[in-house]
Amino acid sequence: MVTRRGRGRPPGESDSRARIAAAAVHEFGEHGYEGATVRAIAARAGVDAALVHHYFGAKADLFAEVTDFPLRPDLEVPRILRGPRDQAGEHIVRFVLEAFERPEVRKRGVIVLRTAVSSRLTAPLMTGFLSRELLPRIAAELDGPDASLRASLVASQIAGMLITRYVVKLPAMADATPDELVAQVGPTIQRYLFG
C-alpha cells in the first residue's frame, strides 16, 4: 500500500523557523549581538546553519526579526550616503522621522529605544548591532581618519532626537513637525558626515 503524503511542508519543517527564532533569542540574550553566531544558533535549534540563512538571511536580518526592530538603518543609511552627498544629512533625518511617524513603527521603535537604554541585557545587543552592522557601513562611506567617530556622532544625534521626541516627549521636540526637525537636525548630521 502506498501512503500519499499530504499537501504542505514535510513534518518538522514548519517548526524549524520557530525553533531558530527561539534559539536566536537565547543566543543573543546570553552572548550579545557580537558573541552570538549563526552556527551556535543553528546548533541550539538543532538545524544546519544553512537553514538559518535560508529562513532569515544574514545575522542582521535574524536579529531584526527576533527583536522586532522596526527599521533597517544598516541597509538604508549606506544607500542614502551613496546618493547625492549635499543633502545626505537631511535625507537621513527624514528617513528616520518618516518611519517613526508611522504608528506601527513608532510603537515597536519606542519599545526598542526604552529597553536599549534601561536594560542591561538589551543594551549590549543594540550596541553590538550598531557597532557591527551600521556604524562601519557609515564610516566606509566617509573620508578621513576620524570616520568612525563621525559615524558614532551621527548615531548619537539620531538616537537623542528619537528619545527626546518619542520616549521622553519633550514638548518642543514632540510638537515640532518632521520638516522642522529635518531643517534643524539635518545640517548637524551633514556636518558630522562631510564636515
N, C-alpha and C. Protein backbone atom coordinates (compact mmCIF):
# COMPACT_ATOMS: atom_id res chain seq x y z
N MET A 1 0.84 -1.18 0.00
CA MET A 1 0.00 0.00 0.00
C MET A 1 0.89 1.25 0.00
N VAL A 2 0.60 2.17 -0.87
CA VAL A 2 1.38 3.40 -0.98
C VAL A 2 0.72 4.47 -0.13
N THR A 3 1.52 5.09 0.71
CA THR A 3 1.00 6.18 1.54
C THR A 3 1.27 7.49 0.83
N ARG A 4 0.22 8.23 0.61
CA ARG A 4 0.38 9.52 -0.06
C ARG A 4 0.63 10.59 0.97
N ARG A 5 1.59 11.38 0.65
CA ARG A 5 1.90 12.50 1.53
C ARG A 5 0.90 13.62 1.29
N GLY A 6 0.45 14.24 2.36
CA GLY A 6 -0.48 15.36 2.23
C GLY A 6 0.22 16.60 1.71
N ARG A 7 -0.57 17.58 1.43
CA ARG A 7 -0.02 18.86 0.97
C ARG A 7 0.72 19.56 2.08
N GLY A 8 1.49 20.54 1.69
CA GLY A 8 2.19 21.36 2.67
C GLY A 8 3.61 20.89 2.88
N ARG A 9 4.21 21.40 3.92
CA ARG A 9 5.61 21.09 4.24
C ARG A 9 5.71 19.70 4.84
N PRO A 10 6.85 19.08 4.66
CA PRO A 10 7.07 17.81 5.35
C PRO A 10 7.04 18.02 6.85
N PRO A 11 6.67 16.97 7.60
CA PRO A 11 6.62 17.12 9.06
C PRO A 11 7.97 17.61 9.60
N GLY A 12 7.92 18.52 10.54
CA GLY A 12 9.14 19.02 11.17
C GLY A 12 9.65 20.32 10.57
N GLU A 13 9.37 20.54 9.28
CA GLU A 13 9.87 21.77 8.66
C GLU A 13 9.14 22.99 9.18
N SER A 14 7.86 22.84 9.49
CA SER A 14 7.07 24.01 9.86
C SER A 14 7.54 24.64 11.17
N ASP A 15 8.13 23.83 12.06
CA ASP A 15 8.57 24.42 13.32
C ASP A 15 10.06 24.78 13.32
N SER A 16 10.77 24.48 12.25
CA SER A 16 12.20 24.81 12.19
C SER A 16 12.42 26.31 12.33
N ARG A 17 11.63 27.09 11.63
CA ARG A 17 11.77 28.55 11.67
C ARG A 17 11.55 29.06 13.10
N ALA A 18 10.51 28.55 13.75
CA ALA A 18 10.22 28.97 15.12
C ALA A 18 11.34 28.54 16.08
N ARG A 19 11.89 27.34 15.89
CA ARG A 19 12.98 26.87 16.74
C ARG A 19 14.22 27.74 16.55
N ILE A 20 14.48 28.13 15.30
CA ILE A 20 15.63 29.00 15.02
C ILE A 20 15.44 30.36 15.70
N ALA A 21 14.24 30.92 15.57
CA ALA A 21 13.97 32.22 16.19
C ALA A 21 14.13 32.14 17.71
N ALA A 22 13.60 31.08 18.32
CA ALA A 22 13.73 30.92 19.78
C ALA A 22 15.20 30.75 20.17
N ALA A 23 15.95 29.98 19.39
CA ALA A 23 17.37 29.80 19.67
C ALA A 23 18.12 31.12 19.55
N ALA A 24 17.75 31.93 18.56
CA ALA A 24 18.41 33.23 18.36
C ALA A 24 18.16 34.14 19.55
N VAL A 25 16.94 34.14 20.07
CA VAL A 25 16.64 34.96 21.24
C VAL A 25 17.55 34.56 22.41
N HIS A 26 17.70 33.26 22.62
CA HIS A 26 18.57 32.78 23.71
C HIS A 26 20.03 33.17 23.47
N GLU A 27 20.51 32.93 22.26
CA GLU A 27 21.92 33.22 21.96
C GLU A 27 22.22 34.71 22.05
N PHE A 28 21.34 35.55 21.46
CA PHE A 28 21.55 37.00 21.54
C PHE A 28 21.49 37.45 23.00
N GLY A 29 20.55 36.88 23.76
CA GLY A 29 20.43 37.24 25.16
C GLY A 29 21.63 36.84 26.00
N GLU A 30 22.18 35.67 25.73
CA GLU A 30 23.30 35.17 26.53
C GLU A 30 24.65 35.75 26.09
N HIS A 31 24.82 36.00 24.80
CA HIS A 31 26.15 36.36 24.28
C HIS A 31 26.21 37.73 23.62
N GLY A 32 25.10 38.45 23.57
CA GLY A 32 25.09 39.73 22.87
C GLY A 32 25.09 39.53 21.36
N TYR A 33 25.00 40.62 20.64
CA TYR A 33 24.94 40.52 19.18
C TYR A 33 26.23 39.97 18.61
N GLU A 34 27.35 40.52 19.07
CA GLU A 34 28.63 40.11 18.50
C GLU A 34 29.01 38.69 18.90
N GLY A 35 28.66 38.27 20.12
CA GLY A 35 29.04 36.95 20.59
C GLY A 35 28.18 35.82 20.03
N ALA A 36 26.96 36.14 19.64
CA ALA A 36 26.07 35.12 19.08
C ALA A 36 26.50 34.82 17.65
N THR A 37 26.60 33.56 17.32
CA THR A 37 26.97 33.18 15.95
C THR A 37 25.84 32.39 15.32
N VAL A 38 25.81 32.40 14.00
CA VAL A 38 24.80 31.64 13.27
C VAL A 38 24.97 30.15 13.58
N ARG A 39 26.22 29.69 13.68
CA ARG A 39 26.46 28.27 14.00
C ARG A 39 25.88 27.90 15.36
N ALA A 40 26.11 28.75 16.35
CA ALA A 40 25.60 28.46 17.70
C ALA A 40 24.08 28.49 17.72
N ILE A 41 23.49 29.42 16.99
CA ILE A 41 22.03 29.50 16.91
C ILE A 41 21.49 28.23 16.25
N ALA A 42 22.13 27.82 15.15
CA ALA A 42 21.70 26.60 14.47
C ALA A 42 21.83 25.38 15.37
N ALA A 43 22.96 25.28 16.08
CA ALA A 43 23.17 24.13 16.98
C ALA A 43 22.11 24.09 18.07
N ARG A 44 21.80 25.24 18.65
CA ARG A 44 20.78 25.30 19.70
C ARG A 44 19.41 24.90 19.15
N ALA A 45 19.14 25.26 17.89
CA ALA A 45 17.86 24.94 17.26
C ALA A 45 17.82 23.51 16.72
N GLY A 46 19.00 22.87 16.64
CA GLY A 46 19.06 21.51 16.12
C GLY A 46 18.92 21.45 14.60
N VAL A 47 19.43 22.50 13.92
CA VAL A 47 19.36 22.54 12.46
C VAL A 47 20.74 22.88 11.91
N ASP A 48 20.87 22.76 10.61
CA ASP A 48 22.10 23.16 9.92
C ASP A 48 22.13 24.68 9.79
N ALA A 49 23.32 25.25 9.84
CA ALA A 49 23.46 26.71 9.70
C ALA A 49 22.87 27.22 8.39
N ALA A 50 22.93 26.40 7.35
CA ALA A 50 22.38 26.81 6.06
C ALA A 50 20.88 27.07 6.16
N LEU A 51 20.19 26.35 7.04
CA LEU A 51 18.76 26.55 7.20
C LEU A 51 18.47 27.90 7.86
N VAL A 52 19.35 28.33 8.74
CA VAL A 52 19.20 29.66 9.35
C VAL A 52 19.26 30.72 8.25
N HIS A 53 20.25 30.60 7.37
CA HIS A 53 20.38 31.55 6.26
C HIS A 53 19.19 31.45 5.31
N HIS A 54 18.70 30.24 5.10
CA HIS A 54 17.55 30.04 4.21
C HIS A 54 16.33 30.80 4.72
N TYR A 55 16.05 30.68 6.01
CA TYR A 55 14.86 31.32 6.57
C TYR A 55 15.04 32.80 6.85
N PHE A 56 16.25 33.21 7.25
CA PHE A 56 16.42 34.57 7.75
C PHE A 56 17.44 35.41 7.00
N GLY A 57 18.29 34.82 6.19
CA GLY A 57 19.33 35.58 5.53
C GLY A 57 20.52 35.76 6.47
N ALA A 58 21.05 36.97 6.52
CA ALA A 58 22.22 37.28 7.34
C ALA A 58 21.85 37.40 8.82
N LYS A 59 22.86 37.38 9.67
CA LYS A 59 22.64 37.51 11.12
C LYS A 59 21.89 38.80 11.45
N ALA A 60 22.19 39.88 10.74
CA ALA A 60 21.49 41.15 10.99
C ALA A 60 20.00 41.02 10.70
N ASP A 61 19.65 40.26 9.66
CA ASP A 61 18.24 40.05 9.33
C ASP A 61 17.54 39.25 10.43
N LEU A 62 18.22 38.23 10.92
CA LEU A 62 17.67 37.41 12.00
C LEU A 62 17.49 38.26 13.26
N PHE A 63 18.49 39.07 13.58
CA PHE A 63 18.39 39.94 14.75
C PHE A 63 17.21 40.91 14.62
N ALA A 64 17.09 41.52 13.44
CA ALA A 64 15.99 42.47 13.23
C ALA A 64 14.64 41.80 13.41
N GLU A 65 14.53 40.58 12.95
CA GLU A 65 13.25 39.89 13.07
C GLU A 65 12.94 39.47 14.50
N VAL A 66 13.90 38.87 15.19
CA VAL A 66 13.58 38.37 16.53
C VAL A 66 13.47 39.49 17.56
N THR A 67 14.10 40.63 17.32
CA THR A 67 13.93 41.76 18.23
C THR A 67 12.79 42.66 17.80
N ASP A 68 12.18 42.33 16.65
CA ASP A 68 11.09 43.14 16.11
C ASP A 68 11.55 44.56 15.85
N PHE A 69 12.82 44.69 15.45
CA PHE A 69 13.41 46.00 15.17
C PHE A 69 12.68 46.63 13.99
N PRO A 70 12.10 47.81 14.15
CA PRO A 70 11.21 48.35 13.13
C PRO A 70 11.89 48.99 11.93
N LEU A 71 13.18 49.26 12.00
CA LEU A 71 13.90 49.90 10.91
C LEU A 71 15.12 49.09 10.55
N ARG A 72 15.60 49.27 9.34
CA ARG A 72 16.86 48.65 8.94
C ARG A 72 17.83 49.75 8.53
N PRO A 73 18.31 50.55 9.50
CA PRO A 73 19.24 51.62 9.15
C PRO A 73 20.54 51.08 8.58
N ASP A 74 20.88 49.83 8.92
CA ASP A 74 22.10 49.24 8.39
C ASP A 74 22.03 49.06 6.88
N LEU A 75 20.82 49.03 6.33
CA LEU A 75 20.65 48.93 4.88
C LEU A 75 20.36 50.29 4.24
N GLU A 76 19.50 51.07 4.89
CA GLU A 76 19.04 52.32 4.28
C GLU A 76 20.05 53.46 4.35
N VAL A 77 20.72 53.63 5.49
CA VAL A 77 21.63 54.78 5.63
C VAL A 77 22.80 54.70 4.65
N PRO A 78 23.45 53.54 4.49
CA PRO A 78 24.52 53.49 3.49
C PRO A 78 24.01 53.78 2.07
N ARG A 79 22.78 53.37 1.78
CA ARG A 79 22.18 53.66 0.48
C ARG A 79 22.01 55.18 0.30
N ILE A 80 21.56 55.85 1.35
CA ILE A 80 21.42 57.31 1.30
C ILE A 80 22.78 57.96 1.07
N LEU A 81 23.81 57.46 1.77
CA LEU A 81 25.14 58.06 1.66
C LEU A 81 25.77 57.84 0.28
N ARG A 82 25.33 56.84 -0.44
CA ARG A 82 25.85 56.62 -1.78
C ARG A 82 25.15 57.51 -2.81
N GLY A 83 24.09 58.19 -2.38
CA GLY A 83 23.39 59.12 -3.26
C GLY A 83 24.06 60.48 -3.22
N PRO A 84 23.33 61.52 -3.65
CA PRO A 84 23.88 62.88 -3.61
C PRO A 84 24.28 63.26 -2.18
N ARG A 85 25.53 63.70 -2.03
CA ARG A 85 26.05 63.97 -0.68
C ARG A 85 25.62 65.30 -0.10
N ASP A 86 25.25 66.23 -0.92
CA ASP A 86 24.98 67.58 -0.41
C ASP A 86 23.76 67.66 0.51
N GLN A 87 22.87 66.66 0.46
CA GLN A 87 21.70 66.67 1.35
C GLN A 87 21.57 65.37 2.12
N ALA A 88 22.65 64.63 2.27
CA ALA A 88 22.60 63.33 2.93
C ALA A 88 22.11 63.45 4.38
N GLY A 89 22.56 64.48 5.09
CA GLY A 89 22.14 64.65 6.48
C GLY A 89 20.63 64.81 6.60
N GLU A 90 20.07 65.66 5.75
CA GLU A 90 18.62 65.85 5.77
C GLU A 90 17.89 64.59 5.37
N HIS A 91 18.42 63.86 4.40
CA HIS A 91 17.76 62.63 3.95
C HIS A 91 17.75 61.57 5.05
N ILE A 92 18.83 61.48 5.81
CA ILE A 92 18.88 60.51 6.91
C ILE A 92 17.85 60.87 7.97
N VAL A 93 17.80 62.14 8.36
CA VAL A 93 16.84 62.57 9.37
C VAL A 93 15.41 62.33 8.87
N ARG A 94 15.15 62.66 7.62
CA ARG A 94 13.81 62.45 7.06
C ARG A 94 13.45 60.97 7.03
N PHE A 95 14.39 60.12 6.63
CA PHE A 95 14.14 58.68 6.60
C PHE A 95 13.71 58.18 7.98
N VAL A 96 14.45 58.56 9.02
CA VAL A 96 14.15 58.09 10.37
C VAL A 96 12.82 58.65 10.86
N LEU A 97 12.60 59.95 10.67
CA LEU A 97 11.37 60.56 11.16
C LEU A 97 10.14 60.04 10.41
N GLU A 98 10.25 59.90 9.11
CA GLU A 98 9.09 59.37 8.35
C GLU A 98 8.74 57.96 8.81
N ALA A 99 9.75 57.17 9.11
CA ALA A 99 9.49 55.82 9.62
C ALA A 99 8.80 55.90 10.98
N PHE A 100 9.34 56.72 11.89
CA PHE A 100 8.78 56.79 13.24
C PHE A 100 7.42 57.49 13.29
N GLU A 101 7.06 58.21 12.28
CA GLU A 101 5.73 58.82 12.24
C GLU A 101 4.66 57.80 11.90
N ARG A 102 5.05 56.63 11.41
CA ARG A 102 4.07 55.56 11.17
C ARG A 102 3.80 54.87 12.50
N PRO A 103 2.54 54.79 12.92
CA PRO A 103 2.21 54.27 14.26
C PRO A 103 2.79 52.88 14.55
N GLU A 104 2.77 51.98 13.57
CA GLU A 104 3.26 50.62 13.83
C GLU A 104 4.77 50.61 14.06
N VAL A 105 5.50 51.49 13.38
CA VAL A 105 6.95 51.59 13.58
C VAL A 105 7.23 52.30 14.90
N ARG A 106 6.50 53.37 15.17
CA ARG A 106 6.73 54.12 16.41
C ARG A 106 6.53 53.24 17.63
N LYS A 107 5.47 52.44 17.65
CA LYS A 107 5.19 51.60 18.81
C LYS A 107 6.36 50.65 19.07
N ARG A 108 6.80 49.94 18.06
CA ARG A 108 7.92 49.00 18.24
C ARG A 108 9.22 49.74 18.49
N GLY A 109 9.40 50.86 17.78
CA GLY A 109 10.63 51.64 17.94
C GLY A 109 10.81 52.18 19.34
N VAL A 110 9.73 52.65 19.94
CA VAL A 110 9.80 53.17 21.31
C VAL A 110 10.14 52.05 22.28
N ILE A 111 9.57 50.87 22.06
CA ILE A 111 9.91 49.73 22.92
C ILE A 111 11.40 49.43 22.82
N VAL A 112 11.92 49.40 21.60
CA VAL A 112 13.34 49.12 21.40
C VAL A 112 14.19 50.19 22.07
N LEU A 113 13.83 51.46 21.89
CA LEU A 113 14.60 52.55 22.50
C LEU A 113 14.58 52.48 24.02
N ARG A 114 13.40 52.27 24.58
CA ARG A 114 13.28 52.19 26.04
C ARG A 114 14.11 51.05 26.61
N THR A 115 14.01 49.88 26.00
CA THR A 115 14.74 48.74 26.53
C THR A 115 16.25 48.88 26.29
N ALA A 116 16.62 49.54 25.18
CA ALA A 116 18.05 49.71 24.88
C ALA A 116 18.73 50.58 25.92
N VAL A 117 18.03 51.57 26.46
CA VAL A 117 18.66 52.47 27.42
C VAL A 117 18.44 52.04 28.87
N SER A 118 17.53 51.09 29.11
CA SER A 118 17.23 50.75 30.50
C SER A 118 17.55 49.31 30.88
N SER A 119 17.84 48.46 29.90
CA SER A 119 18.05 47.05 30.21
C SER A 119 19.51 46.66 30.05
N ARG A 120 20.06 46.04 31.08
CA ARG A 120 21.45 45.57 31.00
C ARG A 120 21.60 44.45 29.97
N LEU A 121 20.51 43.76 29.66
CA LEU A 121 20.56 42.69 28.67
C LEU A 121 20.44 43.22 27.25
N THR A 122 19.56 44.19 27.05
CA THR A 122 19.29 44.69 25.71
C THR A 122 20.34 45.67 25.23
N ALA A 123 20.88 46.49 26.11
CA ALA A 123 21.87 47.49 25.69
C ALA A 123 23.03 46.88 24.92
N PRO A 124 23.63 45.77 25.38
CA PRO A 124 24.72 45.19 24.60
C PRO A 124 24.28 44.67 23.23
N LEU A 125 23.03 44.22 23.13
CA LEU A 125 22.52 43.77 21.83
C LEU A 125 22.49 44.92 20.85
N MET A 126 21.93 46.04 21.30
CA MET A 126 21.83 47.20 20.41
C MET A 126 23.20 47.76 20.09
N THR A 127 24.06 47.82 21.10
CA THR A 127 25.42 48.32 20.87
C THR A 127 26.15 47.43 19.87
N GLY A 128 26.02 46.13 20.04
CA GLY A 128 26.67 45.19 19.12
C GLY A 128 26.14 45.32 17.71
N PHE A 129 24.82 45.42 17.58
CA PHE A 129 24.21 45.56 16.26
C PHE A 129 24.69 46.84 15.59
N LEU A 130 24.62 47.95 16.31
CA LEU A 130 25.04 49.23 15.73
C LEU A 130 26.53 49.23 15.41
N SER A 131 27.33 48.70 16.34
CA SER A 131 28.79 48.70 16.16
C SER A 131 29.25 47.81 15.03
N ARG A 132 28.52 46.74 14.79
CA ARG A 132 28.96 45.81 13.75
C ARG A 132 28.27 46.03 12.41
N GLU A 133 26.97 46.38 12.45
CA GLU A 133 26.20 46.43 11.21
C GLU A 133 25.98 47.82 10.65
N LEU A 134 25.90 48.84 11.49
CA LEU A 134 25.58 50.18 10.98
C LEU A 134 26.78 51.11 10.93
N LEU A 135 27.44 51.31 12.05
CA LEU A 135 28.50 52.33 12.11
C LEU A 135 29.65 52.07 11.13
N PRO A 136 30.12 50.84 10.97
CA PRO A 136 31.19 50.63 9.97
C PRO A 136 30.73 50.92 8.54
N ARG A 137 29.44 50.69 8.28
CA ARG A 137 28.93 50.97 6.93
C ARG A 137 28.86 52.47 6.67
N ILE A 138 28.52 53.23 7.71
CA ILE A 138 28.55 54.69 7.56
C ILE A 138 29.99 55.14 7.39
N ALA A 139 30.87 54.68 8.27
CA ALA A 139 32.29 55.09 8.23
C ALA A 139 32.93 54.76 6.89
N ALA A 140 32.53 53.65 6.28
CA ALA A 140 33.11 53.25 5.00
C ALA A 140 32.77 54.23 3.88
N GLU A 141 31.69 54.98 4.05
CA GLU A 141 31.29 55.96 3.03
C GLU A 141 31.93 57.33 3.26
N LEU A 142 32.65 57.48 4.38
CA LEU A 142 33.23 58.78 4.73
C LEU A 142 34.74 58.77 4.48
N ASP A 143 35.30 59.94 4.37
CA ASP A 143 36.74 60.08 4.21
C ASP A 143 37.36 60.53 5.53
N GLY A 144 38.60 60.18 5.73
CA GLY A 144 39.35 60.70 6.88
C GLY A 144 39.53 59.69 7.98
N PRO A 145 40.53 59.94 8.82
CA PRO A 145 40.87 59.01 9.90
C PRO A 145 39.84 59.00 11.02
N ASP A 146 39.01 60.03 11.10
CA ASP A 146 38.02 60.09 12.18
C ASP A 146 36.63 59.65 11.71
N ALA A 147 36.56 58.86 10.64
CA ALA A 147 35.28 58.43 10.08
C ALA A 147 34.44 57.66 11.10
N SER A 148 35.07 56.82 11.91
CA SER A 148 34.32 56.05 12.91
C SER A 148 33.71 56.96 13.97
N LEU A 149 34.46 57.96 14.40
CA LEU A 149 33.94 58.92 15.37
C LEU A 149 32.76 59.68 14.78
N ARG A 150 32.92 60.14 13.54
CA ARG A 150 31.83 60.89 12.91
C ARG A 150 30.59 60.03 12.72
N ALA A 151 30.76 58.77 12.39
CA ALA A 151 29.62 57.85 12.27
C ALA A 151 28.92 57.69 13.61
N SER A 152 29.71 57.60 14.69
CA SER A 152 29.13 57.48 16.03
C SER A 152 28.40 58.76 16.44
N LEU A 153 28.92 59.92 16.03
CA LEU A 153 28.23 61.18 16.32
C LEU A 153 26.89 61.24 15.61
N VAL A 154 26.83 60.74 14.39
CA VAL A 154 25.55 60.68 13.67
C VAL A 154 24.57 59.83 14.46
N ALA A 155 25.02 58.65 14.89
CA ALA A 155 24.13 57.75 15.64
C ALA A 155 23.66 58.39 16.94
N SER A 156 24.57 59.10 17.63
CA SER A 156 24.19 59.73 18.89
C SER A 156 23.16 60.84 18.68
N GLN A 157 23.32 61.59 17.61
CA GLN A 157 22.37 62.67 17.31
C GLN A 157 20.99 62.12 16.97
N ILE A 158 20.96 61.07 16.15
CA ILE A 158 19.68 60.47 15.76
C ILE A 158 19.01 59.83 16.97
N ALA A 159 19.79 59.08 17.78
CA ALA A 159 19.22 58.44 18.97
C ALA A 159 18.68 59.50 19.93
N GLY A 160 19.43 60.57 20.13
CA GLY A 160 18.96 61.65 21.00
C GLY A 160 17.67 62.27 20.50
N MET A 161 17.59 62.50 19.21
CA MET A 161 16.37 63.07 18.62
C MET A 161 15.19 62.14 18.85
N LEU A 162 15.37 60.84 18.61
CA LEU A 162 14.28 59.88 18.76
C LEU A 162 13.85 59.76 20.22
N ILE A 163 14.81 59.71 21.12
CA ILE A 163 14.47 59.57 22.54
C ILE A 163 13.74 60.81 23.05
N THR A 164 14.24 62.00 22.71
CA THR A 164 13.58 63.22 23.22
C THR A 164 12.22 63.46 22.57
N ARG A 165 12.02 63.00 21.36
CA ARG A 165 10.73 63.21 20.68
C ARG A 165 9.70 62.13 21.02
N TYR A 166 10.12 60.87 21.05
CA TYR A 166 9.16 59.77 21.15
C TYR A 166 9.13 59.06 22.50
N VAL A 167 10.20 59.15 23.28
CA VAL A 167 10.23 58.46 24.57
C VAL A 167 9.99 59.45 25.69
N VAL A 168 10.87 60.44 25.83
CA VAL A 168 10.74 61.46 26.87
C VAL A 168 9.64 62.46 26.52
N LYS A 169 9.45 62.69 25.24
CA LYS A 169 8.41 63.60 24.72
C LYS A 169 8.57 65.03 25.25
N LEU A 170 9.81 65.55 25.13
CA LEU A 170 10.00 66.97 25.45
C LEU A 170 9.04 67.77 24.58
N PRO A 171 8.29 68.71 25.17
CA PRO A 171 7.23 69.38 24.43
C PRO A 171 7.67 69.99 23.08
N ALA A 172 8.74 70.74 23.07
CA ALA A 172 9.16 71.37 21.81
C ALA A 172 9.54 70.32 20.77
N MET A 173 10.17 69.23 21.18
CA MET A 173 10.55 68.17 20.25
C MET A 173 9.31 67.41 19.77
N ALA A 174 8.42 67.10 20.70
CA ALA A 174 7.21 66.34 20.34
C ALA A 174 6.28 67.15 19.45
N ASP A 175 6.26 68.48 19.64
CA ASP A 175 5.36 69.33 18.87
C ASP A 175 5.92 69.76 17.51
N ALA A 176 7.21 69.65 17.33
CA ALA A 176 7.83 70.06 16.07
C ALA A 176 7.36 69.15 14.94
N THR A 177 7.24 69.73 13.76
CA THR A 177 6.90 68.92 12.60
C THR A 177 8.16 68.19 12.12
N PRO A 178 7.99 67.09 11.40
CA PRO A 178 9.17 66.44 10.83
C PRO A 178 10.00 67.39 9.97
N ASP A 179 9.34 68.26 9.20
CA ASP A 179 10.07 69.21 8.36
C ASP A 179 10.93 70.17 9.19
N GLU A 180 10.39 70.61 10.33
CA GLU A 180 11.17 71.49 11.22
C GLU A 180 12.40 70.77 11.75
N LEU A 181 12.23 69.52 12.13
CA LEU A 181 13.37 68.77 12.66
C LEU A 181 14.40 68.46 11.58
N VAL A 182 13.92 68.14 10.39
CA VAL A 182 14.85 67.92 9.27
C VAL A 182 15.68 69.18 9.04
N ALA A 183 15.03 70.34 9.07
CA ALA A 183 15.72 71.60 8.83
C ALA A 183 16.73 71.91 9.94
N GLN A 184 16.43 71.54 11.17
CA GLN A 184 17.32 71.85 12.29
C GLN A 184 18.41 70.80 12.50
N VAL A 185 18.05 69.52 12.41
CA VAL A 185 19.00 68.44 12.72
C VAL A 185 19.80 68.02 11.49
N GLY A 186 19.19 68.12 10.33
CA GLY A 186 19.86 67.71 9.09
C GLY A 186 21.24 68.33 8.88
N PRO A 187 21.39 69.67 9.05
CA PRO A 187 22.71 70.27 8.87
C PRO A 187 23.76 69.77 9.86
N THR A 188 23.33 69.44 11.09
CA THR A 188 24.27 68.89 12.06
C THR A 188 24.77 67.52 11.61
N ILE A 189 23.84 66.69 11.14
CA ILE A 189 24.21 65.37 10.62
C ILE A 189 25.13 65.55 9.41
N GLN A 190 24.80 66.50 8.56
CA GLN A 190 25.61 66.76 7.36
C GLN A 190 27.04 67.14 7.75
N ARG A 191 27.18 67.98 8.78
CA ARG A 191 28.50 68.40 9.23
C ARG A 191 29.28 67.22 9.80
N TYR A 192 28.60 66.37 10.57
CA TYR A 192 29.28 65.17 11.09
C TYR A 192 29.75 64.27 9.96
N LEU A 193 28.94 64.16 8.92
CA LEU A 193 29.28 63.27 7.82
C LEU A 193 30.41 63.80 6.96
N PHE A 194 30.24 65.03 6.52
CA PHE A 194 31.17 65.54 5.48
C PHE A 194 31.85 66.84 5.86
N GLY A 195 31.67 67.29 7.13
CA GLY A 195 32.27 68.40 7.77
C GLY A 195 32.80 69.52 7.04
